[in-house]
Each structure stands twice: as structure tokens, then as C-alpha cells.
N, C-alpha and C. Protein backbone atom coordinates (compact mmCIF):
# COMPACT_ATOMS: atom_id res chain seq x y z
N UNK A 1 30.51 2.87 30.01
CA UNK A 1 29.60 1.81 29.59
C UNK A 1 30.39 0.81 28.75
N UNK A 2 30.29 -0.47 29.09
CA UNK A 2 31.05 -1.46 28.32
C UNK A 2 30.37 -1.78 27.00
N UNK A 3 31.09 -2.56 26.19
CA UNK A 3 30.62 -2.86 24.84
C UNK A 3 29.28 -3.59 24.80
N UNK A 4 29.10 -4.59 25.69
CA UNK A 4 27.84 -5.34 25.68
C UNK A 4 26.67 -4.48 26.13
N UNK A 5 26.90 -3.57 27.08
CA UNK A 5 25.83 -2.67 27.53
C UNK A 5 25.45 -1.70 26.42
N UNK A 6 26.46 -1.24 25.67
CA UNK A 6 26.19 -0.34 24.55
C UNK A 6 25.38 -1.05 23.48
N UNK A 7 25.78 -2.29 23.14
CA UNK A 7 25.04 -3.01 22.10
C UNK A 7 23.64 -3.38 22.58
N UNK A 8 23.47 -3.66 23.87
CA UNK A 8 22.15 -3.95 24.40
C UNK A 8 21.26 -2.71 24.35
N UNK A 9 21.83 -1.56 24.68
CA UNK A 9 21.08 -0.31 24.59
C UNK A 9 20.67 -0.03 23.14
N UNK A 10 21.57 -0.29 22.22
CA UNK A 10 21.25 -0.10 20.80
C UNK A 10 20.16 -1.07 20.36
N UNK A 11 20.27 -2.32 20.81
CA UNK A 11 19.26 -3.32 20.48
C UNK A 11 17.89 -2.92 21.06
N UNK A 12 17.91 -2.36 22.27
CA UNK A 12 16.67 -1.90 22.87
C UNK A 12 16.04 -0.79 22.04
N UNK A 13 16.86 0.13 21.57
CA UNK A 13 16.36 1.23 20.74
C UNK A 13 15.77 0.72 19.43
N UNK A 14 16.41 -0.29 18.84
CA UNK A 14 15.99 -0.82 17.54
C UNK A 14 14.80 -1.75 17.63
N UNK A 15 14.79 -2.63 18.61
CA UNK A 15 13.78 -3.69 18.68
C UNK A 15 12.72 -3.42 19.74
N UNK A 16 13.07 -2.70 20.78
CA UNK A 16 12.15 -2.48 21.90
C UNK A 16 10.77 -2.00 21.52
N UNK A 17 10.66 -0.94 20.68
CA UNK A 17 9.31 -0.45 20.34
C UNK A 17 8.43 -1.48 19.62
N UNK A 18 9.00 -2.20 18.66
CA UNK A 18 8.17 -3.18 17.93
C UNK A 18 7.85 -4.37 18.82
N UNK A 19 8.78 -4.75 19.68
CA UNK A 19 8.51 -5.85 20.60
C UNK A 19 7.43 -5.47 21.61
N UNK A 20 7.50 -4.25 22.13
CA UNK A 20 6.47 -3.79 23.06
C UNK A 20 5.11 -3.71 22.37
N UNK A 21 5.07 -3.22 21.15
CA UNK A 21 3.80 -3.15 20.42
C UNK A 21 3.21 -4.54 20.23
N UNK A 22 4.05 -5.50 19.86
CA UNK A 22 3.59 -6.89 19.70
C UNK A 22 3.05 -7.42 21.02
N UNK A 23 3.80 -7.23 22.10
CA UNK A 23 3.37 -7.73 23.41
C UNK A 23 2.09 -7.06 23.87
N UNK A 24 1.97 -5.77 23.63
CA UNK A 24 0.78 -5.03 24.02
C UNK A 24 -0.45 -5.57 23.31
N UNK A 25 -0.33 -5.82 22.00
CA UNK A 25 -1.46 -6.38 21.24
C UNK A 25 -1.76 -7.80 21.69
N UNK A 26 -0.73 -8.57 21.92
CA UNK A 26 -0.89 -9.98 22.28
C UNK A 26 -1.52 -10.14 23.66
N UNK A 27 -1.03 -9.38 24.62
CA UNK A 27 -1.48 -9.53 26.00
C UNK A 27 -2.69 -8.67 26.34
N UNK A 28 -2.89 -7.60 25.56
CA UNK A 28 -3.99 -6.68 25.80
C UNK A 28 -3.94 -6.04 27.18
N UNK A 29 -2.71 -5.86 27.68
CA UNK A 29 -2.50 -5.24 28.98
C UNK A 29 -1.14 -4.56 28.93
N UNK A 30 -1.15 -3.24 28.85
CA UNK A 30 0.09 -2.48 28.66
C UNK A 30 1.10 -2.71 29.79
N UNK A 31 0.60 -2.78 31.02
CA UNK A 31 1.51 -2.95 32.17
C UNK A 31 2.20 -4.31 32.12
N UNK A 32 1.45 -5.35 31.80
CA UNK A 32 2.05 -6.68 31.70
C UNK A 32 3.01 -6.73 30.52
N UNK A 33 2.64 -6.09 29.42
CA UNK A 33 3.53 -6.04 28.24
C UNK A 33 4.85 -5.37 28.59
N UNK A 34 4.78 -4.28 29.34
CA UNK A 34 6.01 -3.59 29.76
C UNK A 34 6.85 -4.46 30.68
N UNK A 35 6.19 -5.20 31.57
CA UNK A 35 6.91 -6.11 32.46
C UNK A 35 7.61 -7.22 31.66
N UNK A 36 6.92 -7.75 30.68
CA UNK A 36 7.51 -8.80 29.84
C UNK A 36 8.68 -8.24 29.04
N UNK A 37 8.53 -7.04 28.52
CA UNK A 37 9.64 -6.40 27.80
C UNK A 37 10.84 -6.24 28.72
N UNK A 38 10.60 -5.77 29.93
CA UNK A 38 11.68 -5.59 30.88
C UNK A 38 12.36 -6.92 31.20
N UNK A 39 11.58 -7.96 31.43
CA UNK A 39 12.14 -9.28 31.73
C UNK A 39 12.92 -9.82 30.53
N UNK A 40 12.45 -9.57 29.33
CA UNK A 40 13.14 -10.02 28.13
C UNK A 40 14.52 -9.39 28.03
N UNK A 41 14.59 -8.09 28.25
CA UNK A 41 15.88 -7.41 28.17
C UNK A 41 16.75 -7.73 29.39
N UNK A 42 16.14 -8.06 30.51
CA UNK A 42 16.91 -8.53 31.65
C UNK A 42 17.62 -9.85 31.28
N UNK A 43 16.87 -10.74 30.62
CA UNK A 43 17.47 -12.00 30.18
C UNK A 43 18.60 -11.75 29.19
N UNK A 44 18.43 -10.77 28.31
CA UNK A 44 19.48 -10.43 27.35
C UNK A 44 20.71 -9.89 28.07
N UNK A 45 20.51 -9.08 29.11
CA UNK A 45 21.64 -8.54 29.88
C UNK A 45 22.29 -9.63 30.71
N UNK A 46 21.49 -10.55 31.17
CA UNK A 46 22.01 -11.65 32.01
C UNK A 46 22.82 -12.65 31.20
N UNK A 47 22.42 -12.87 29.95
CA UNK A 47 23.08 -13.85 29.09
C UNK A 47 23.53 -13.20 27.78
N UNK A 48 24.45 -12.26 27.84
CA UNK A 48 24.86 -11.54 26.62
C UNK A 48 25.46 -12.45 25.55
N UNK A 49 26.08 -13.54 25.95
CA UNK A 49 26.68 -14.43 24.95
C UNK A 49 25.59 -15.12 24.11
N UNK A 50 24.45 -15.38 24.70
CA UNK A 50 23.35 -16.00 23.94
C UNK A 50 22.85 -15.05 22.85
N UNK A 51 22.75 -13.78 23.21
CA UNK A 51 22.32 -12.78 22.23
C UNK A 51 23.38 -12.63 21.15
N UNK A 52 24.64 -12.57 21.58
CA UNK A 52 25.74 -12.36 20.64
C UNK A 52 25.88 -13.52 19.66
N UNK A 53 25.59 -14.74 20.11
CA UNK A 53 25.74 -15.91 19.25
C UNK A 53 24.46 -16.28 18.50
N UNK A 54 23.40 -15.56 18.74
CA UNK A 54 22.14 -15.83 18.05
C UNK A 54 22.28 -15.47 16.58
N UNK A 55 21.65 -16.24 15.72
CA UNK A 55 21.66 -15.95 14.30
C UNK A 55 21.06 -14.57 14.04
N UNK A 56 20.01 -14.23 14.82
CA UNK A 56 19.37 -12.93 14.73
C UNK A 56 19.04 -12.47 16.15
N UNK A 57 19.71 -11.44 16.66
CA UNK A 57 19.38 -10.95 18.00
C UNK A 57 17.91 -10.55 18.13
N UNK A 58 17.35 -10.01 17.08
CA UNK A 58 15.93 -9.61 17.07
C UNK A 58 15.05 -10.84 17.30
N UNK A 59 15.34 -11.91 16.57
CA UNK A 59 14.56 -13.14 16.73
C UNK A 59 14.76 -13.72 18.13
N UNK A 60 15.99 -13.63 18.65
CA UNK A 60 16.26 -14.13 20.00
C UNK A 60 15.38 -13.38 21.00
N UNK A 61 15.27 -12.07 20.86
CA UNK A 61 14.45 -11.28 21.77
C UNK A 61 12.98 -11.65 21.67
N UNK A 62 12.46 -11.80 20.44
CA UNK A 62 11.06 -12.19 20.28
C UNK A 62 10.81 -13.57 20.86
N UNK A 63 11.75 -14.49 20.64
CA UNK A 63 11.61 -15.84 21.19
C UNK A 63 11.64 -15.85 22.70
N UNK A 64 12.53 -15.07 23.28
CA UNK A 64 12.62 -14.97 24.73
C UNK A 64 11.34 -14.34 25.29
N UNK A 65 10.85 -13.29 24.64
CA UNK A 65 9.61 -12.64 25.09
C UNK A 65 8.45 -13.63 25.04
N UNK A 66 8.43 -14.45 24.01
CA UNK A 66 7.37 -15.45 23.86
C UNK A 66 7.39 -16.43 25.03
N UNK A 67 8.59 -16.82 25.45
CA UNK A 67 8.72 -17.75 26.58
C UNK A 67 8.31 -17.07 27.89
N UNK A 68 8.67 -15.81 28.04
CA UNK A 68 8.28 -15.06 29.24
C UNK A 68 6.75 -14.94 29.29
N UNK A 69 6.13 -14.65 28.15
CA UNK A 69 4.67 -14.56 28.08
C UNK A 69 4.04 -15.88 28.49
N UNK A 70 4.58 -16.98 28.00
CA UNK A 70 4.03 -18.29 28.36
C UNK A 70 4.09 -18.51 29.87
N UNK A 71 5.17 -18.10 30.49
CA UNK A 71 5.31 -18.22 31.93
C UNK A 71 4.29 -17.34 32.65
N UNK A 72 4.14 -16.10 32.18
CA UNK A 72 3.17 -15.19 32.79
C UNK A 72 1.76 -15.75 32.66
N UNK A 73 1.40 -16.21 31.49
CA UNK A 73 0.05 -16.74 31.28
C UNK A 73 -0.18 -18.01 32.11
N UNK A 74 0.83 -18.83 32.19
CA UNK A 74 0.71 -20.05 32.98
C UNK A 74 0.49 -19.69 34.46
N UNK A 75 1.22 -18.70 34.93
CA UNK A 75 1.07 -18.28 36.33
C UNK A 75 -0.31 -17.67 36.58
N UNK A 76 -0.78 -16.91 35.63
CA UNK A 76 -2.08 -16.25 35.80
C UNK A 76 -3.23 -17.18 35.44
N UNK A 77 -2.90 -18.30 34.81
CA UNK A 77 -3.90 -19.28 34.37
C UNK A 77 -5.01 -18.61 33.57
N UNK A 78 -4.58 -17.82 32.60
CA UNK A 78 -5.55 -17.15 31.75
C UNK A 78 -5.48 -17.77 30.36
N UNK A 79 -6.48 -17.50 29.60
CA UNK A 79 -6.47 -17.90 28.20
C UNK A 79 -6.35 -16.65 27.35
N UNK A 80 -5.72 -16.81 26.23
CA UNK A 80 -5.51 -15.66 25.36
C UNK A 80 -6.58 -15.63 24.28
N UNK A 81 -7.15 -14.47 24.09
CA UNK A 81 -8.15 -14.29 23.05
C UNK A 81 -7.57 -13.42 21.96
N UNK A 82 -8.14 -13.53 20.79
CA UNK A 82 -7.73 -12.68 19.69
C UNK A 82 -8.11 -11.23 20.01
N UNK A 83 -7.16 -10.29 19.92
CA UNK A 83 -7.48 -8.90 20.25
C UNK A 83 -8.43 -8.27 19.24
N UNK A 84 -9.26 -7.39 19.73
CA UNK A 84 -10.14 -6.60 18.88
C UNK A 84 -9.43 -5.29 18.61
N UNK A 85 -8.75 -5.20 17.48
CA UNK A 85 -7.89 -4.05 17.23
C UNK A 85 -8.58 -2.90 16.50
N UNK A 86 -9.68 -3.18 15.86
CA UNK A 86 -10.31 -2.13 15.07
C UNK A 86 -11.54 -1.58 15.77
N UNK A 87 -11.71 -0.30 15.70
CA UNK A 87 -12.87 0.34 16.30
C UNK A 87 -14.13 -0.06 15.55
N UNK A 88 -15.26 -0.01 16.22
CA UNK A 88 -16.52 -0.44 15.61
C UNK A 88 -16.84 0.35 14.35
N UNK A 89 -16.54 1.67 14.34
CA UNK A 89 -16.88 2.47 13.17
C UNK A 89 -16.02 2.08 11.97
N UNK A 90 -14.82 1.54 12.18
CA UNK A 90 -14.00 1.10 11.06
C UNK A 90 -14.59 -0.15 10.42
N UNK A 91 -15.21 -1.01 11.22
CA UNK A 91 -15.82 -2.23 10.69
C UNK A 91 -16.98 -1.91 9.77
N UNK A 92 -17.68 -0.83 10.05
CA UNK A 92 -18.81 -0.43 9.23
C UNK A 92 -18.34 -0.02 7.84
N UNK A 93 -17.16 0.58 7.75
CA UNK A 93 -16.64 1.08 6.48
C UNK A 93 -16.34 -0.04 5.52
N UNK A 94 -15.76 -1.13 5.99
CA UNK A 94 -15.37 -2.22 5.10
C UNK A 94 -15.85 -3.55 5.68
N UNK A 95 -16.88 -4.16 5.10
CA UNK A 95 -17.43 -5.41 5.65
C UNK A 95 -16.44 -6.58 5.60
N UNK A 96 -15.40 -6.47 4.79
CA UNK A 96 -14.41 -7.55 4.71
C UNK A 96 -13.64 -7.70 6.01
N UNK A 97 -13.54 -6.62 6.78
CA UNK A 97 -12.78 -6.67 8.03
C UNK A 97 -13.42 -7.67 8.99
N UNK A 98 -14.74 -7.65 9.07
CA UNK A 98 -15.43 -8.59 9.95
C UNK A 98 -15.20 -10.03 9.51
N UNK A 99 -15.21 -10.27 8.20
CA UNK A 99 -14.97 -11.61 7.67
C UNK A 99 -13.55 -12.07 8.02
N UNK A 100 -12.59 -11.17 7.85
CA UNK A 100 -11.20 -11.52 8.15
C UNK A 100 -11.02 -11.75 9.65
N UNK A 101 -11.62 -10.90 10.49
CA UNK A 101 -11.51 -11.10 11.94
C UNK A 101 -12.08 -12.44 12.36
N UNK A 102 -13.23 -12.78 11.82
CA UNK A 102 -13.86 -14.06 12.15
C UNK A 102 -12.97 -15.21 11.68
N UNK A 103 -12.44 -15.10 10.46
CA UNK A 103 -11.57 -16.14 9.92
C UNK A 103 -10.28 -16.27 10.74
N UNK A 104 -9.72 -15.14 11.17
CA UNK A 104 -8.52 -15.19 12.02
C UNK A 104 -8.81 -15.93 13.32
N UNK A 105 -9.97 -15.69 13.87
CA UNK A 105 -10.36 -16.37 15.10
C UNK A 105 -10.54 -17.86 14.92
N UNK A 106 -10.84 -18.28 13.69
CA UNK A 106 -11.03 -19.71 13.40
C UNK A 106 -9.73 -20.43 13.09
N UNK A 107 -8.67 -19.67 12.82
CA UNK A 107 -7.37 -20.30 12.53
C UNK A 107 -6.85 -21.03 13.76
N UNK A 108 -6.13 -22.12 13.55
CA UNK A 108 -5.45 -22.74 14.69
C UNK A 108 -4.48 -21.73 15.32
N UNK A 109 -4.28 -21.82 16.62
CA UNK A 109 -3.45 -20.86 17.34
C UNK A 109 -2.06 -20.72 16.73
N UNK A 110 -1.46 -21.82 16.31
CA UNK A 110 -0.10 -21.78 15.74
C UNK A 110 -0.08 -20.95 14.46
N UNK A 111 -1.09 -21.10 13.62
CA UNK A 111 -1.15 -20.32 12.37
C UNK A 111 -1.44 -18.86 12.66
N UNK A 112 -2.32 -18.59 13.62
CA UNK A 112 -2.66 -17.21 13.97
C UNK A 112 -1.43 -16.50 14.54
N UNK A 113 -0.68 -17.20 15.38
CA UNK A 113 0.51 -16.59 15.98
C UNK A 113 1.58 -16.29 14.93
N UNK A 114 1.85 -17.22 14.06
CA UNK A 114 2.91 -17.02 13.07
C UNK A 114 2.52 -15.94 12.07
N UNK A 115 1.25 -15.87 11.72
CA UNK A 115 0.78 -14.83 10.80
C UNK A 115 0.90 -13.46 11.45
N UNK A 116 0.56 -13.36 12.73
CA UNK A 116 0.70 -12.09 13.44
C UNK A 116 2.13 -11.64 13.55
N UNK A 117 3.03 -12.57 13.85
CA UNK A 117 4.46 -12.21 13.93
C UNK A 117 5.00 -11.78 12.58
N UNK A 118 4.56 -12.43 11.53
CA UNK A 118 5.05 -12.09 10.18
C UNK A 118 4.52 -10.72 9.74
N UNK A 119 3.23 -10.48 9.91
CA UNK A 119 2.63 -9.26 9.41
C UNK A 119 2.86 -8.06 10.31
N UNK A 120 2.69 -8.23 11.61
CA UNK A 120 2.81 -7.09 12.52
C UNK A 120 4.25 -6.75 12.87
N UNK A 121 5.07 -7.77 13.04
CA UNK A 121 6.44 -7.54 13.49
C UNK A 121 7.45 -7.63 12.35
N UNK A 122 6.96 -8.02 11.18
CA UNK A 122 7.79 -8.10 9.98
C UNK A 122 9.03 -8.97 10.17
N UNK A 123 8.85 -10.08 10.88
CA UNK A 123 9.96 -11.02 11.06
C UNK A 123 10.15 -11.82 9.78
N UNK A 124 11.39 -12.11 9.45
CA UNK A 124 11.69 -12.93 8.28
C UNK A 124 11.32 -14.38 8.58
N UNK A 125 11.30 -15.20 7.55
CA UNK A 125 10.99 -16.62 7.75
C UNK A 125 12.02 -17.26 8.69
N UNK A 126 13.28 -16.90 8.51
CA UNK A 126 14.34 -17.44 9.36
C UNK A 126 14.15 -16.99 10.81
N UNK A 127 13.79 -15.73 11.01
CA UNK A 127 13.55 -15.23 12.36
C UNK A 127 12.34 -15.93 12.98
N UNK A 128 11.31 -16.16 12.18
CA UNK A 128 10.14 -16.87 12.69
C UNK A 128 10.52 -18.27 13.14
N UNK A 129 11.35 -18.94 12.36
CA UNK A 129 11.81 -20.29 12.73
C UNK A 129 12.56 -20.24 14.06
N UNK A 130 13.39 -19.23 14.23
CA UNK A 130 14.14 -19.09 15.48
C UNK A 130 13.22 -18.77 16.65
N UNK A 131 12.31 -17.83 16.47
CA UNK A 131 11.40 -17.42 17.54
C UNK A 131 10.53 -18.58 17.99
N UNK A 132 9.97 -19.30 17.04
CA UNK A 132 9.02 -20.36 17.36
C UNK A 132 9.69 -21.72 17.57
N UNK A 133 11.01 -21.76 17.30
CA UNK A 133 11.78 -22.99 17.44
C UNK A 133 11.18 -24.13 16.63
N UNK A 134 10.93 -23.82 15.36
CA UNK A 134 10.40 -24.80 14.42
C UNK A 134 11.23 -24.75 13.15
N UNK A 135 11.18 -25.81 12.34
CA UNK A 135 11.92 -25.80 11.08
C UNK A 135 11.38 -24.75 10.10
N UNK A 136 12.24 -24.30 9.22
CA UNK A 136 11.87 -23.30 8.22
C UNK A 136 10.70 -23.79 7.35
N UNK A 137 10.70 -25.06 7.02
CA UNK A 137 9.61 -25.63 6.22
C UNK A 137 8.27 -25.53 6.93
N UNK A 138 8.28 -25.69 8.23
CA UNK A 138 7.05 -25.57 9.02
C UNK A 138 6.55 -24.13 9.01
N UNK A 139 7.49 -23.18 9.08
CA UNK A 139 7.12 -21.76 8.98
C UNK A 139 6.39 -21.53 7.67
N UNK A 140 7.00 -21.96 6.58
CA UNK A 140 6.40 -21.76 5.26
C UNK A 140 5.03 -22.43 5.16
N UNK A 141 4.93 -23.63 5.68
CA UNK A 141 3.68 -24.38 5.61
C UNK A 141 2.57 -23.69 6.40
N UNK A 142 2.88 -23.28 7.63
CA UNK A 142 1.85 -22.62 8.46
C UNK A 142 1.38 -21.32 7.83
N UNK A 143 2.32 -20.54 7.32
CA UNK A 143 1.94 -19.28 6.67
C UNK A 143 1.10 -19.54 5.42
N UNK A 144 1.51 -20.52 4.64
CA UNK A 144 0.78 -20.86 3.41
C UNK A 144 -0.66 -21.26 3.74
N UNK A 145 -0.82 -22.14 4.71
CA UNK A 145 -2.17 -22.61 5.06
C UNK A 145 -3.02 -21.49 5.66
N UNK A 146 -2.41 -20.63 6.46
CA UNK A 146 -3.16 -19.52 7.06
C UNK A 146 -3.65 -18.55 5.98
N UNK A 147 -2.76 -18.18 5.07
CA UNK A 147 -3.13 -17.24 4.01
C UNK A 147 -4.17 -17.87 3.08
N UNK A 148 -3.99 -19.15 2.76
CA UNK A 148 -4.96 -19.83 1.89
C UNK A 148 -6.33 -19.86 2.54
N UNK A 149 -6.39 -20.14 3.83
CA UNK A 149 -7.66 -20.18 4.54
C UNK A 149 -8.34 -18.81 4.52
N UNK A 150 -7.57 -17.76 4.80
CA UNK A 150 -8.13 -16.40 4.79
C UNK A 150 -8.63 -16.03 3.41
N UNK A 151 -7.86 -16.38 2.39
CA UNK A 151 -8.27 -16.09 1.01
C UNK A 151 -9.57 -16.80 0.67
N UNK A 152 -9.69 -18.06 1.06
CA UNK A 152 -10.91 -18.84 0.80
C UNK A 152 -12.12 -18.22 1.50
N UNK A 153 -11.92 -17.76 2.71
CA UNK A 153 -13.02 -17.14 3.45
C UNK A 153 -13.48 -15.84 2.78
N UNK A 154 -12.53 -15.05 2.30
CA UNK A 154 -12.90 -13.81 1.60
C UNK A 154 -13.60 -14.10 0.30
N UNK A 155 -13.13 -15.08 -0.45
CA UNK A 155 -13.76 -15.43 -1.72
C UNK A 155 -15.17 -15.97 -1.49
N UNK A 156 -15.33 -16.83 -0.48
CA UNK A 156 -16.65 -17.42 -0.22
C UNK A 156 -17.63 -16.36 0.30
N UNK A 157 -17.12 -15.31 0.92
CA UNK A 157 -17.99 -14.23 1.40
C UNK A 157 -18.43 -13.34 0.26
N UNK A 158 -17.77 -13.44 -0.87
CA UNK A 158 -18.07 -12.67 -2.09
C UNK A 158 -18.13 -11.17 -1.81
N UNK A 159 -17.10 -10.68 -1.13
CA UNK A 159 -17.03 -9.24 -0.83
C UNK A 159 -15.95 -8.59 -1.64
């Protein structure tokens, strides 16, 4: 096994599970998520120099997966909805969850996406900038506005 194949296998072991989990939640279809993961790593194997020269290989993989998802969705001509991740009985336990879910659904798509990548995938601000191909200041601004909006909704709900 050559050096690039070894590093790609290591990258798959390190990033693959979290990337698949993100894709599974985002697409709400395990089979499509697995296909996107496979295509993402195919792109990494096809262009090893791009991965090697990336500021963060992890961010490069998330960014590539994001582009593959866009292609898949465009081909399927579907719209993406916010996933319902919590079981109904969990919502009964804490009424704030319903308020947060509703508020998340009201966020602009760009803020909802960046918040999900930050919280679920634990990407750094720099990685988010790379994945989304936006300036670091825009990352900070979108996160700030998303968190402020959620906080305001929780406060106004008085829960």
C-alpha cells in the first residue's frame, strides 16, 4: 500500500464516521448518505494532492461532501427539510426542545447549516470557512446571529 493510500485509509478511519453521521442526519436516507460518503472519498483518492495541500483535510472532506450532496439533491430535485431527530416521548420531557426545533426551522438555511456543522461535527471556525467557502468573519457572524436568535426565542418562551 503506498503512502497516499495509507493516509487516505487513516483519514477514512478518523473522519468517515462523523462525516457519515452528518450526511445521514442531513439527507435522512442512510443509503444516499453512504453513497455520498463513498463519492467523497473517491474524490479524495482521485485528487490526493488537493487533500494533501488543504489547510484541513477534514474540512476538505466535509466541503467535498457538501458539493456532492448539492449535486445529488439537484439531480433528485428534492428539497431538504430539517430532520426530526428527537423521539416524541423526549419532547414531552422538556418543552424547550419544541421551542428550539421550531426556532431552528425558522433560521435561514445558511445559519441552520453552519450551526449544525459547528455543533454536530465540531468543526472549527477555520474549517467551517473552508467547508462553506466563506470568509472567517462571515462564519462568526452567521453563528452569532443564529445563537442570538435561538436565545431570544427561548427567553420569549419563558421556559
